Amino acid sequence: MSDTQARLPLVDFLRGLALWAMLVFHLVWDLAQFGWIDHDAPYTPIMHWFGHAIAVSFLALVGVSLVLAETAKGPLWRSAKFWRRWAEIVLAASAISAVSFWLFPTTPIFFGILHCIALASLFALPFVAAPPIRALAGGFAALLAPHFFASPLFDARLFWWTGLGTYLPASNDFRPLLPWLAYVLFGVALGRWTIAGKFSSRHREEISDAAIPWPLPAPAGLLRSARNDGRVFRAVTFCGRHSLTFYLVHQPLLFGFFTLLGLVATPAPDAGDFVRQCAVQCVNEGVEAEICEKSCVCVVEKAKNAGLWNNLARGRLTEPEKSTVHDEAIACYAEAAKK
């Protein structure tokens, strides 16, 4: 069976949507990294849960895809294509780790989403042909395991990948096996209920999106809506069919774009960072933290009103401007120190 015959457009379309959501997430991260938006923007609760939702969707679709591949081709553990694809994911994960250790040595990606997909796929193999209730039970077990079995014994770096340690290692993308394996197994259960068993082996060549009785109206409705604009559907589905390439290429392109943009344009200075650094320096000189923060915020506001903010933040004040800012700083301190 060809790749096209073995694929469901709905699965590729949903995977494509997840990829574009991931691109939006990384775009926000890159904008903050390069100073175009607030440095803390990627770390808000909304972005935190947005990132988790994207990861859940990827992993669940991995589970569905495993069932689809087994239904189309037979046992995966005997499929050369499965193992080639698995090796590609492992190599891609290794490359991302190597690059991240170089670019972000304090927060490297040592076990991110690709690492998790590679290992979780192996753990999911015994469930792919089993009754879906087993995958569902295994998913709940994986989801609850960190709450019951976390221990300092797993705090050593050698065991960080398990997710059973008692603290969160510093990383730009940390998706340990537990609890994230749960969502792959939930995807397997969903795939077993919706795909496996619907076709006999002699009808495998007939697998198509229209023939799959998806029980969830929302995805099916979303698919029909997208098909009203064939270009959108084809573009999103194309990305879903080439998900690994999309994943590996999008961040270098974003980084390259913002790097080149930095050669011709400079982002506005981050007032929040300036206030934090100003306040720390003030506190180190023995002033109360509350007075320091109020005073530093006041200095930024007055500098902006006087049109001196960019030069102040970038250390480009002329001597007359330094005198003006100094006078304003004294006034701000006096105002903040009033009881």
C-alpha atoms as a PDB file:
ATOM      1  CA  MET A   1       0.000   0.000   0.000  1.00  0.00           C
ATOM      2  CA  SER A   2       1.265   3.458  -0.848  1.00  0.00           C
ATOM      3  CA  ASP A   3       1.672   6.191   1.755  1.00  0.00           C
ATOM      4  CA  THR A   4      -1.284   8.084   0.337  1.00  0.00           C
ATOM      5  CA  GLN A   5      -3.554   5.054   0.601  1.00  0.00           C
ATOM      6  CA  ALA A   6      -2.438   4.386   4.177  1.00  0.00           C
ATOM      7  CA  ARG A   7      -3.163   7.883   5.447  1.00  0.00           C
ATOM      8  CA  LEU A   8      -6.323   9.556   6.690  1.00  0.00           C
ATOM      9  CA  PRO A   9      -6.740  13.168   5.590  1.00  0.00           C
ATOM     10  CA  LEU A  10      -8.434  13.992   8.905  1.00  0.00           C
ATOM     11  CA  VAL A  11      -5.411  12.834  10.915  1.00  0.00           C
ATOM     12  CA  ASP A  12      -3.012  14.772   8.689  1.00  0.00           C
ATOM     13  CA  PHE A  13      -5.241  17.837   8.863  1.00  0.00           C
ATOM     14  CA  LEU A  14      -5.395  17.757  12.683  1.00  0.00           C
ATOM     15  CA  ARG A  15      -1.649  17.205  12.880  1.00  0.00           C
ATOM     16  CA  GLY A  16      -1.166  20.164  10.551  1.00  0.00           C
ATOM     17  CA  LEU A  17      -3.302  22.351  12.826  1.00  0.00           C
ATOM     18  CA  ALA A  18      -1.176  21.283  15.793  1.00  0.00           C
ATOM     19  CA  LEU A  19       1.973  22.188  13.870  1.00  0.00           C
ATOM     20  CA  TRP A  20       0.693  25.669  13.083  1.00  0.00           C
ATOM     21  CA  ALA A  21      -0.335  26.140  16.702  1.00  0.00           C
ATOM     22  CA  MET A  22       3.204  25.148  17.659  1.00  0.00           C
ATOM     23  CA  LEU A  23       4.586  27.701  15.209  1.00  0.00           C
ATOM     24  CA  VAL A  24       2.484  30.417  16.878  1.00  0.00           C
ATOM     25  CA  PHE A  25       3.769  29.315  20.290  1.00  0.00           C
ATOM     26  CA  HIS A  26       7.393  29.443  19.118  1.00  0.00           C
ATOM     27  CA  LEU A  27       6.802  32.762  17.379  1.00  0.00           C
ATOM     28  CA  VAL A  28       5.787  34.297  20.718  1.00  0.00           C
ATOM     29  CA  TRP A  29       8.856  32.729  22.327  1.00  0.00           C
ATOM     30  CA  ASP A  30      11.151  34.094  19.611  1.00  0.00           C
ATOM     31  CA  LEU A  31       9.611  37.569  19.726  1.00  0.00           C
ATOM     32  CA  ALA A  32      10.366  37.677  23.447  1.00  0.00           C
ATOM     33  CA  GLN A  33      13.832  36.176  22.997  1.00  0.00           C
ATOM     34  CA  PHE A  34      14.787  38.847  20.469  1.00  0.00           C
ATOM     35  CA  GLY A  35      13.284  41.651  22.526  1.00  0.00           C
ATOM     36  CA  TRP A  36      10.292  42.551  20.376  1.00  0.00           C
ATOM     37  CA  ILE A  37       7.765  41.832  23.114  1.00  0.00           C
ATOM     38  CA  ASP A  38       7.836  41.482  26.889  1.00  0.00           C
ATOM     39  CA  HIS A  39      10.481  38.977  27.935  1.00  0.00           C
ATOM     40  CA  ASP A  40       7.985  37.238  30.241  1.00  0.00           C
ATOM     41  CA  ALA A  41       5.281  36.801  27.568  1.00  0.00           C
ATOM     42  CA  PRO A  42       6.082  33.100  26.884  1.00  0.00           C
ATOM     43  CA  TYR A  43       5.857  32.289  30.592  1.00  0.00           C
ATOM     44  CA  THR A  44       2.294  33.449  31.262  1.00  0.00           C
ATOM     45  CA  PRO A  45      -0.294  30.873  32.397  1.00  0.00           C
ATOM     46  CA  ILE A  46      -2.079  31.129  29.040  1.00  0.00           C
ATOM     47  CA  MET A  47       1.087  30.294  27.103  1.00  0.00           C
ATOM     48  CA  HIS A  48       1.939  27.526  29.579  1.00  0.00           C
ATOM     49  CA  TRP A  49      -1.363  25.731  28.988  1.00  0.00           C
ATOM     50  CA  PHE A  50      -1.281  26.506  25.271  1.00  0.00           C
ATOM     51  CA  GLY A  51       2.053  24.681  25.047  1.00  0.00           C
ATOM     52  CA  HIS A  52       0.672  21.739  27.024  1.00  0.00           C
ATOM     53  CA  ALA A  53      -2.391  21.535  24.767  1.00  0.00           C
ATOM     54  CA  ILE A  54      -0.170  21.412  21.674  1.00  0.00           C
ATOM     55  CA  ALA A  55       1.953  18.639  23.192  1.00  0.00           C
ATOM     56  CA  VAL A  56      -1.149  16.640  24.131  1.00  0.00           C
ATOM     57  CA  SER A  57      -2.501  16.922  20.583  1.00  0.00           C
ATOM     58  CA  PHE A  58       0.790  15.764  19.053  1.00  0.00           C
ATOM     59  CA  LEU A  59       1.073  12.769  21.359  1.00  0.00           C
ATOM     60  CA  ALA A  60      -2.551  11.713  20.981  1.00  0.00           C
ATOM     61  CA  LEU A  61      -2.181  11.844  17.194  1.00  0.00           C
ATOM     62  CA  VAL A  62       0.923   9.665  17.498  1.00  0.00           C
ATOM     63  CA  GLY A  63      -1.237   7.042  19.183  1.00  0.00           C
ATOM     64  CA  VAL A  64      -3.947   7.295  16.503  1.00  0.00           C
ATOM     65  CA  SER A  65      -1.289   7.080  13.772  1.00  0.00           C
ATOM     66  CA  LEU A  66       0.201   3.925  15.294  1.00  0.00           C
ATOM     67  CA  VAL A  67      -3.186   2.234  15.115  1.00  0.00           C
ATOM     68  CA  LEU A  68      -3.733   3.481  11.571  1.00  0.00           C
ATOM     69  CA  ALA A  69      -0.331   2.153  10.472  1.00  0.00           C
ATOM     70  CA  GLU A  70      -0.969  -1.241  12.078  1.00  0.00           C
ATOM     71  CA  THR A  71      -4.418  -1.467  10.509  1.00  0.00           C
ATOM     72  CA  ALA A  72      -2.980  -0.678   7.089  1.00  0.00           C
ATOM     73  CA  LYS A  73       0.229  -2.697   7.199  1.00  0.00           C
ATOM     74  CA  GLY A  74       0.046  -5.273   9.960  1.00  0.00           C
ATOM     75  CA  PRO A  75       2.249  -5.644  13.083  1.00  0.00           C
ATOM     76  CA  LEU A  76       4.456  -2.571  13.462  1.00  0.00           C
ATOM     77  CA  TRP A  77       7.307  -4.386  15.161  1.00  0.00           C
ATOM     78  CA  ARG A  78       7.858  -6.201  11.859  1.00  0.00           C
ATOM     79  CA  SER A  79       7.525  -3.066   9.717  1.00  0.00           C
ATOM     80  CA  ALA A  80      10.788  -1.788   8.276  1.00  0.00           C
ATOM     81  CA  LYS A  81       9.099   1.508   7.471  1.00  0.00           C
ATOM     82  CA  PHE A  82       8.070   1.990  11.110  1.00  0.00           C
ATOM     83  CA  TRP A  83      11.624   1.439  12.309  1.00  0.00           C
ATOM     84  CA  ARG A  84      13.043   3.761   9.650  1.00  0.00           C
ATOM     85  CA  ARG A  85      10.626   6.477  10.752  1.00  0.00           C
ATOM     86  CA  TRP A  86      11.442   5.805  14.400  1.00  0.00           C
ATOM     87  CA  ALA A  87      15.179   6.149  13.641  1.00  0.00           C
ATOM     88  CA  GLU A  88      14.518   9.465  11.870  1.00  0.00           C
ATOM     89  CA  ILE A  89      12.748  10.786  14.971  1.00  0.00           C
ATOM     90  CA  VAL A  90      15.596   9.640  17.227  1.00  0.00           C
ATOM     91  CA  LEU A  91      18.182  11.327  14.982  1.00  0.00           C
ATOM     92  CA  ALA A  92      16.113  14.518  14.865  1.00  0.00           C
ATOM     93  CA  ALA A  93      15.738  14.529  18.648  1.00  0.00           C
ATOM     94  CA  SER A  94      19.493  14.035  19.041  1.00  0.00           C
ATOM     95  CA  ALA A  95      20.198  16.919  16.674  1.00  0.00           C
ATOM     96  CA  ILE A  96      17.848  19.228  18.580  1.00  0.00           C
ATOM     97  CA  SER A  97      19.572  18.305  21.842  1.00  0.00           C
ATOM     98  CA  ALA A  98      23.005  19.017  20.379  1.00  0.00           C
ATOM     99  CA  VAL A  99      21.955  22.410  19.013  1.00  0.00           C
ATOM    100  CA  SER A 100      20.140  23.375  22.217  1.00  0.00           C
ATOM    101  CA  PHE A 101      23.178  22.563  24.371  1.00  0.00           C
ATOM    102  CA  TRP A 102      25.138  24.936  22.149  1.00  0.00           C
ATOM    103  CA  LEU A 103      22.573  27.763  22.016  1.00  0.00           C
ATOM    104  CA  PHE A 104      21.043  27.435  25.495  1.00  0.00           C
ATOM    105  CA  PRO A 105      23.565  25.666  27.752  1.00  0.00           C
ATOM    106  CA  THR A 106      21.639  26.554  30.923  1.00  0.00           C
ATOM    107  CA  THR A 107      18.269  25.301  29.616  1.00  0.00           C
ATOM    108  CA  PRO A 108      19.020  22.630  26.982  1.00  0.00           C
ATOM    109  CA  ILE A 109      16.433  20.288  25.480  1.00  0.00           C
ATOM    110  CA  PHE A 110      17.598  16.910  26.711  1.00  0.00           C
ATOM    111  CA  PHE A 111      14.192  15.193  26.613  1.00  0.00           C
ATOM    112  CA  GLY A 112      11.687  17.195  24.606  1.00  0.00           C
ATOM    113  CA  ILE A 113       8.616  16.307  22.577  1.00  0.00           C
ATOM    114  CA  LEU A 114      10.522  14.333  19.909  1.00  0.00           C
ATOM    115  CA  HIS A 115      12.407  12.319  22.528  1.00  0.00           C
ATOM    116  CA  CYS A 116       9.098  11.579  24.208  1.00  0.00           C
ATOM    117  CA  ILE A 117       7.445  10.547  20.936  1.00  0.00           C
ATOM    118  CA  ALA A 118      10.293   8.151  20.142  1.00  0.00           C
ATOM    119  CA  LEU A 119      10.284   6.399  23.518  1.00  0.00           C
ATOM    120  CA  ALA A 120       6.515   6.517  24.043  1.00  0.00           C
ATOM    121  CA  SER A 121       5.999   4.899  20.634  1.00  0.00           C
ATOM    122  CA  LEU A 122       7.970   1.874  21.800  1.00  0.00           C
ATOM    123  CA  PHE A 123       6.033   1.624  25.057  1.00  0.00           C
ATOM    124  CA  ALA A 124       2.776   1.917  23.111  1.00  0.00           C
ATOM    125  CA  LEU A 125       3.496  -0.929  20.674  1.00  0.00           C
ATOM    126  CA  PRO A 126       2.068  -3.707  22.912  1.00  0.00           C
ATOM    127  CA  PHE A 127      -1.203  -1.756  23.179  1.00  0.00           C
ATOM    128  CA  VAL A 128      -1.732  -1.070  19.470  1.00  0.00           C
ATOM    129  CA  ALA A 129      -3.321  -4.455  18.702  1.00  0.00           C
ATOM    130  CA  ALA A 130      -4.802  -4.987  22.181  1.00  0.00           C
ATOM    131  CA  PRO A 131      -8.368  -4.153  23.253  1.00  0.00           C
ATOM    132  CA  PRO A 132      -8.718  -0.371  23.630  1.00  0.00           C
ATOM    133  CA  ILE A 133      -9.623  -0.651  27.303  1.00  0.00           C
ATOM    134  CA  ARG A 134      -6.053  -1.791  28.005  1.00  0.00           C
ATOM    135  CA  ALA A 135      -4.594   1.302  26.337  1.00  0.00           C
ATOM    136  CA  LEU A 136      -7.039   3.467  28.262  1.00  0.00           C
ATOM    137  CA  ALA A 137      -6.082   1.828  31.559  1.00  0.00           C
ATOM    138  CA  GLY A 138      -2.388   2.138  30.706  1.00  0.00           C
ATOM    139  CA  GLY A 139      -2.917   5.819  29.910  1.00  0.00           C
ATOM    140  CA  PHE A 140      -4.480   6.528  33.286  1.00  0.00           C
ATOM    141  CA  ALA A 141      -1.684   4.587  35.004  1.00  0.00           C
ATOM    142  CA  ALA A 142       0.942   6.701  33.214  1.00  0.00           C
ATOM    143  CA  LEU A 143      -0.961   9.883  34.049  1.00  0.00           C
ATOM    144  CA  LEU A 144      -1.119   9.078  37.768  1.00  0.00           C
ATOM    145  CA  ALA A 145       2.327   7.483  38.154  1.00  0.00           C
ATOM    146  CA  PRO A 146       4.236  10.723  38.951  1.00  0.00           C
ATOM    147  CA  HIS A 147       1.752  11.504  41.737  1.00  0.00           C
ATOM    148  CA  PHE A 148       2.293   8.152  43.456  1.00  0.00           C
ATOM    149  CA  PHE A 149       5.827   7.068  42.574  1.00  0.00           C
ATOM    150  CA  ALA A 150       7.865  10.293  42.424  1.00  0.00           C
ATOM    151  CA  SER A 151      10.963   9.930  44.583  1.00  0.00           C
ATOM    152  CA  PRO A 152      14.344  11.593  45.185  1.00  0.00           C
ATOM    153  CA  LEU A 153      15.807   8.346  43.849  1.00  0.00           C
ATOM    154  CA  PHE A 154      14.891   9.646  40.368  1.00  0.00           C
ATOM    155  CA  ASP A 155      16.437  13.100  40.851  1.00  0.00           C
ATOM    156  CA  ALA A 156      19.746  11.974  39.319  1.00  0.00           C
ATOM    157  CA  ARG A 157      20.217  13.179  35.726  1.00  0.00           C
ATOM    158  CA  LEU A 158      20.258   9.583  34.534  1.00  0.00           C
ATOM    159  CA  PHE A 159      16.567   9.276  35.444  1.00  0.00           C
ATOM    160  CA  TRP A 160      15.199  12.701  34.496  1.00  0.00           C
ATOM    161  CA  TRP A 161      13.584  11.217  31.377  1.00  0.00           C
ATOM    162  CA  THR A 162      11.251   9.117  33.544  1.00  0.00           C
ATOM    163  CA  GLY A 163       9.374  12.098  34.981  1.00  0.00           C
ATOM    164  CA  LEU A 164       9.466  10.528  38.444  1.00  0.00           C
ATOM    165  CA  GLY A 165      11.898  13.014  40.001  1.00  0.00           C
ATOM    166  CA  THR A 166      10.831  15.455  42.698  1.00  0.00           C
ATOM    167  CA  TYR A 167      11.791  18.664  40.894  1.00  0.00           C
ATOM    168  CA  LEU A 168      11.558  20.140  37.409  1.00  0.00           C
ATOM    169  CA  PRO A 169      14.898  20.347  35.541  1.00  0.00           C
ATOM    170  CA  ALA A 170      15.655  23.552  33.637  1.00  0.00           C
ATOM    171  CA  SER A 171      14.870  23.007  29.964  1.00  0.00           C
ATOM    172  CA  ASN A 172      13.240  24.856  27.074  1.00  0.00           C
ATOM    173  CA  ASP A 173      11.169  21.754  26.323  1.00  0.00           C
ATOM    174  CA  PHE A 174      10.829  18.988  28.916  1.00  0.00           C
ATOM    175  CA  ARG A 175       8.332  16.199  28.154  1.00  0.00           C
ATOM    176  CA  PRO A 176       9.330  13.188  30.264  1.00  0.00           C
ATOM    177  CA  LEU A 177       7.905   9.742  29.576  1.00  0.00           C
ATOM    178  CA  LEU A 178       5.594  10.041  32.563  1.00  0.00           C
ATOM    179  CA  PRO A 179       2.971  11.397  32.489  1.00  0.00           C
ATOM    180  CA  TRP A 180       3.169  12.219  28.743  1.00  0.00           C
ATOM    181  CA  LEU A 181       3.038   8.563  27.657  1.00  0.00           C
ATOM    182  CA  ALA A 182      -0.579   8.723  28.831  1.00  0.00           C
ATOM    183  CA  TYR A 183      -1.675  10.821  25.857  1.00  0.00           C
ATOM    184  CA  VAL A 184      -0.109   8.461  23.319  1.00  0.00           C
ATOM    185  CA  LEU A 185      -2.013   5.587  24.941  1.00  0.00           C
ATOM    186  CA  PHE A 186      -5.222   7.617  24.966  1.00  0.00           C
ATOM    187  CA  GLY A 187      -4.651   8.190  21.250  1.00  0.00           C
ATOM    188  CA  VAL A 188      -4.180   4.447  20.764  1.00  0.00           C
ATOM    189  CA  ALA A 189      -7.467   3.782  22.566  1.00  0.00           C
ATOM    190  CA  LEU A 190      -9.228   6.390  20.407  1.00  0.00           C
ATOM    191  CA  GLY A 191      -7.724   4.876  17.277  1.00  0.00           C
ATOM    192  CA  ARG A 192      -8.747   1.374  18.290  1.00  0.00           C
ATOM    193  CA  TRP A 193     -12.337   2.471  18.858  1.00  0.00           C
ATOM    194  CA  THR A 194     -12.595   4.446  15.628  1.00  0.00           C
ATOM    195  CA  ILE A 195     -10.285   2.695  13.148  1.00  0.00           C
ATOM    196  CA  ALA A 196      -9.272  -0.826  14.119  1.00  0.00           C
ATOM    197  CA  GLY A 197     -11.930  -3.460  13.596  1.00  0.00           C
ATOM    198  CA  LYS A 198     -13.797  -1.387  10.995  1.00  0.00           C
ATOM    199  CA  PHE A 199     -11.971  -3.078   8.129  1.00  0.00           C
ATOM    200  CA  SER A 200     -11.027  -6.651   7.433  1.00  0.00           C
ATOM    201  CA  SER A 201      -7.556  -7.350   6.074  1.00  0.00           C
ATOM    202  CA  ARG A 202      -8.946  -7.736   2.542  1.00  0.00           C
ATOM    203  CA  HIS A 203     -10.445  -4.240   2.744  1.00  0.00           C
ATOM    204  CA  ARG A 204      -7.341  -2.411   3.922  1.00  0.00           C
ATOM    205  CA  GLU A 205      -6.881  -0.897   0.489  1.00  0.00           C
ATOM    206  CA  GLU A 206     -10.233   0.865   0.929  1.00  0.00           C
ATOM    207  CA  ILE A 207      -9.191   2.937   3.953  1.00  0.00           C
ATOM    208  CA  SER A 208     -10.235   6.499   3.355  1.00  0.00           C
ATOM    209  CA  ASP A 209     -11.337   9.471   5.388  1.00  0.00           C
ATOM    210  CA  ALA A 210     -14.933   9.183   4.217  1.00  0.00           C
ATOM    211  CA  ALA A 211     -15.163   5.559   5.344  1.00  0.00           C
ATOM    212  CA  ILE A 212     -13.982   6.137   8.903  1.00  0.00           C
ATOM    213  CA  PRO A 213     -16.972   6.588  11.251  1.00  0.00           C
ATOM    214  CA  TRP A 214     -15.400   9.251  13.450  1.00  0.00           C
ATOM    215  CA  PRO A 215     -17.667   9.572  16.508  1.00  0.00           C
ATOM    216  CA  LEU A 216     -16.559  13.114  17.322  1.00  0.00           C
ATOM    217  CA  PRO A 217     -18.565  15.679  15.321  1.00  0.00           C
ATOM    218  CA  ALA A 218     -16.262  18.621  16.054  1.00  0.00           C
ATOM    219  CA  PRO A 219     -13.183  17.327  14.160  1.00  0.00           C
ATOM    220  CA  ALA A 220     -15.366  16.073  11.298  1.00  0.00           C
ATOM    221  CA  GLY A 221     -17.134  19.417  11.101  1.00  0.00           C
ATOM    222  CA  LEU A 222     -13.815  21.211  11.201  1.00  0.00           C
ATOM    223  CA  LEU A 223     -12.602  19.050   8.342  1.00  0.00           C
ATOM    224  CA  ARG A 224     -15.692  19.757   6.229  1.00  0.00           C
ATOM    225  CA  SER A 225     -15.366  23.486   6.924  1.00  0.00           C
ATOM    226  CA  ALA A 226     -11.735  23.473   5.839  1.00  0.00           C
ATOM    227  CA  ARG A 227     -12.638  21.600   2.697  1.00  0.00           C
ATOM    228  CA  ASN A 228     -14.855  24.491   1.698  1.00  0.00           C
ATOM    229  CA  ASP A 229     -11.581  26.257   0.998  1.00  0.00           C
ATOM    230  CA  GLY A 230      -9.546  23.598  -0.751  1.00  0.00           C
ATOM    231  CA  ARG A 231      -6.333  25.620  -0.576  1.00  0.00           C
ATOM    232  CA  VAL A 232      -6.441  25.848   3.214  1.00  0.00           C
ATOM    233  CA  PHE A 233      -7.238  22.174   3.580  1.00  0.00           C
ATOM    234  CA  ARG A 234      -4.491  21.094   1.206  1.00  0.00           C
ATOM    235  CA  ALA A 235      -1.915  23.385   2.818  1.00  0.00           C
ATOM    236  CA  VAL A 236      -2.664  22.272   6.374  1.00  0.00           C
ATOM    237  CA  THR A 237      -2.867  18.605   5.385  1.00  0.00           C
ATOM    238  CA  PHE A 238       0.418  18.859   3.478  1.00  0.00           C
ATOM    239  CA  CYS A 239       2.119  20.154   6.617  1.00  0.00           C
ATOM    240  CA  GLY A 240       0.612  17.287   8.610  1.00  0.00           C
ATOM    241  CA  ARG A 241       1.990  14.766   6.152  1.00  0.00           C
ATOM    242  CA  HIS A 242       5.479  16.232   6.507  1.00  0.00           C
ATOM    243  CA  SER A 243       5.347  16.950  10.219  1.00  0.00           C
ATOM    244  CA  LEU A 244       8.949  16.076  11.079  1.00  0.00           C
ATOM    245  CA  THR A 245      10.336  18.324   8.344  1.00  0.00           C
ATOM    246  CA  PHE A 246       8.031  21.144   9.431  1.00  0.00           C
ATOM    247  CA  TYR A 247       9.120  20.697  13.047  1.00  0.00           C
ATOM    248  CA  LEU A 248      12.823  20.759  12.230  1.00  0.00           C
ATOM    249  CA  VAL A 249      12.688  23.660   9.767  1.00  0.00           C
ATOM    250  CA  HIS A 250      10.340  26.196  11.315  1.00  0.00           C
ATOM    251  CA  GLN A 251      12.524  27.319  14.234  1.00  0.00           C
ATOM    252  CA  PRO A 252      15.722  27.829  12.205  1.00  0.00           C
ATOM    253  CA  LEU A 253      13.663  29.906   9.763  1.00  0.00           C
ATOM    254  CA  LEU A 254      12.192  32.012  12.572  1.00  0.00           C
ATOM    255  CA  PHE A 255      15.599  32.475  14.201  1.00  0.00           C
ATOM    256  CA  GLY A 256      17.161  33.379  10.898  1.00  0.00           C
ATOM    257  CA  PHE A 257      14.423  35.894  10.140  1.00  0.00           C
ATOM    258  CA  PHE A 258      14.720  37.667  13.487  1.00  0.00           C
ATOM    259  CA  THR A 259      18.516  37.622  13.282  1.00  0.00           C
ATOM    260  CA  LEU A 260      18.416  39.306   9.872  1.00  0.00           C
ATOM    261  CA  LEU A 261      15.733  41.706  11.083  1.00  0.00           C
ATOM    262  CA  GLY A 262      18.050  42.719  13.911  1.00  0.00           C
ATOM    263  CA  LEU A 263      20.560  43.937  11.326  1.00  0.00           C
ATOM    264  CA  VAL A 264      18.162  46.586  10.033  1.00  0.00           C
ATOM    265  CA  ALA A 265      15.838  47.251  12.977  1.00  0.00           C
ATOM    266  CA  THR A 266      16.173  47.309  16.737  1.00  0.00           C
ATOM    267  CA  PRO A 267      13.330  46.318  19.053  1.00  0.00           C
ATOM    268  CA  ALA A 268      12.137  48.744  21.687  1.00  0.00           C
ATOM    269  CA  PRO A 269      13.946  48.275  25.004  1.00  0.00           C
ATOM    270  CA  ASP A 270      12.137  46.166  27.597  1.00  0.00           C
ATOM    271  CA  ALA A 271      11.037  48.484  30.401  1.00  0.00           C
ATOM    272  CA  GLY A 272      10.330  45.521  32.667  1.00  0.00           C
ATOM    273  CA  ASP A 273      13.914  44.269  32.465  1.00  0.00           C
ATOM    274  CA  PHE A 274      15.243  47.776  33.042  1.00  0.00           C
ATOM    275  CA  VAL A 275      13.077  48.227  36.153  1.00  0.00           C
ATOM    276  CA  ARG A 276      14.137  44.853  37.553  1.00  0.00           C
ATOM    277  CA  GLN A 277      17.838  45.564  37.058  1.00  0.00           C
ATOM    278  CA  CYS A 278      17.456  49.092  38.408  1.00  0.00           C
ATOM    279  CA  ALA A 279      15.625  47.809  41.494  1.00  0.00           C
ATOM    280  CA  VAL A 280      18.237  45.135  42.181  1.00  0.00           C
ATOM    281  CA  GLN A 281      21.046  47.681  42.029  1.00  0.00           C
ATOM    282  CA  CYS A 282      19.073  50.027  44.292  1.00  0.00           C
ATOM    283  CA  VAL A 283      18.405  47.294  46.869  1.00  0.00           C
ATOM    284  CA  ASN A 284      22.089  46.350  46.848  1.00  0.00           C
ATOM    285  CA  GLU A 285      22.789  49.915  47.970  1.00  0.00           C
ATOM    286  CA  GLY A 286      20.687  49.356  51.088  1.00  0.00           C
ATOM    287  CA  VAL A 287      17.355  50.908  50.042  1.00  0.00           C
ATOM    288  CA  GLU A 288      14.015  49.225  50.743  1.00  0.00           C
ATOM    289  CA  ALA A 289      12.751  47.086  47.864  1.00  0.00           C
ATOM    290  CA  GLU A 290       9.381  48.848  47.643  1.00  0.00           C
ATOM    291  CA  ILE A 291      10.993  52.281  47.412  1.00  0.00           C
ATOM    292  CA  CYS A 292      13.439  51.009  44.798  1.00  0.00           C
ATOM    293  CA  GLU A 293      10.729  49.581  42.545  1.00  0.00           C
ATOM    294  CA  LYS A 294       8.573  52.718  42.734  1.00  0.00           C
ATOM    295  CA  SER A 295      11.558  54.925  42.067  1.00  0.00           C
ATOM    296  CA  CYS A 296      12.721  52.894  39.060  1.00  0.00           C
ATOM    297  CA  VAL A 297       9.241  52.797  37.533  1.00  0.00           C
ATOM    298  CA  CYS A 298       9.046  56.569  37.959  1.00  0.00           C
ATOM    299  CA  VAL A 299      12.409  57.045  36.222  1.00  0.00           C
ATOM    300  CA  VAL A 300      11.225  55.024  33.212  1.00  0.00           C
ATOM    301  CA  GLU A 301       7.959  56.971  32.968  1.00  0.00           C
ATOM    302  CA  LYS A 302       9.708  60.358  33.140  1.00  0.00           C
ATOM    303  CA  ALA A 303      12.328  59.264  30.598  1.00  0.00           C
ATOM    304  CA  LYS A 304       9.592  58.174  28.191  1.00  0.00           C
ATOM    305  CA  ASN A 305       7.734  61.464  28.675  1.00  0.00           C
ATOM    306  CA  ALA A 306      10.932  63.380  27.957  1.00  0.00           C
ATOM    307  CA  GLY A 307      11.734  61.278  24.883  1.00  0.00           C
ATOM    308  CA  LEU A 308      14.895  59.906  26.511  1.00  0.00           C
ATOM    309  CA  TRP A 309      13.817  56.304  27.132  1.00  0.00           C
ATOM    310  CA  ASN A 310      15.553  54.640  24.179  1.00  0.00           C
ATOM    311  CA  ASN A 311      18.858  56.391  24.863  1.00  0.00           C
ATOM    312  CA  LEU A 312      18.598  55.619  28.592  1.00  0.00           C
ATOM    313  CA  ALA A 313      17.892  51.919  28.065  1.00  0.00           C
ATOM    314  CA  ARG A 314      20.682  51.578  25.522  1.00  0.00           C
ATOM    315  CA  GLY A 315      23.247  53.603  27.436  1.00  0.00           C
ATOM    316  CA  ARG A 316      23.463  56.351  24.821  1.00  0.00           C
ATOM    317  CA  LEU A 317      22.599  59.418  26.886  1.00  0.00           C
ATOM    318  CA  THR A 318      24.488  62.611  26.113  1.00  0.00           C
ATOM    319  CA  GLU A 319      25.957  64.564  29.014  1.00  0.00           C
ATOM    320  CA  PRO A 320      23.023  67.035  29.138  1.00  0.00           C
ATOM    321  CA  GLU A 321      20.578  64.089  28.976  1.00  0.00           C
ATOM    322  CA  LYS A 322      22.426  62.336  31.806  1.00  0.00           C
ATOM    323  CA  SER A 323      22.048  65.435  33.927  1.00  0.00           C
ATOM    324  CA  THR A 324      18.325  65.573  33.190  1.00  0.00           C
ATOM    325  CA  VAL A 325      17.782  61.896  34.006  1.00  0.00           C
ATOM    326  CA  HIS A 326      19.858  62.251  37.189  1.00  0.00           C
ATOM    327  CA  ASP A 327      17.670  65.107  38.390  1.00  0.00           C
ATOM    328  CA  GLU A 328      14.537  63.156  37.575  1.00  0.00           C
ATOM    329  CA  ALA A 329      15.890  60.105  39.417  1.00  0.00           C
ATOM    330  CA  ILE A 330      16.484  62.170  42.557  1.00  0.00           C
ATOM    331  CA  ALA A 331      12.944  63.523  42.330  1.00  0.00           C
ATOM    332  CA  CYS A 332      11.536  60.027  41.807  1.00  0.00           C
ATOM    333  CA  TYR A 333      13.431  58.695  44.821  1.00  0.00           C
ATOM    334  CA  ALA A 334      12.205  61.535  46.983  1.00  0.00           C
ATOM    335  CA  GLU A 335       8.620  60.919  45.922  1.00  0.00           C
ATOM    336  CA  ALA A 336       8.873  57.141  46.470  1.00  0.00           C
ATOM    337  CA  ALA A 337      10.485  57.574  49.897  1.00  0.00           C
ATOM    338  CA  LYS A 338       7.613  59.681  51.227  1.00  0.00           C
ATOM    339  CA  LYS A 339       5.713  57.950  54.002  1.00  0.00           C
END
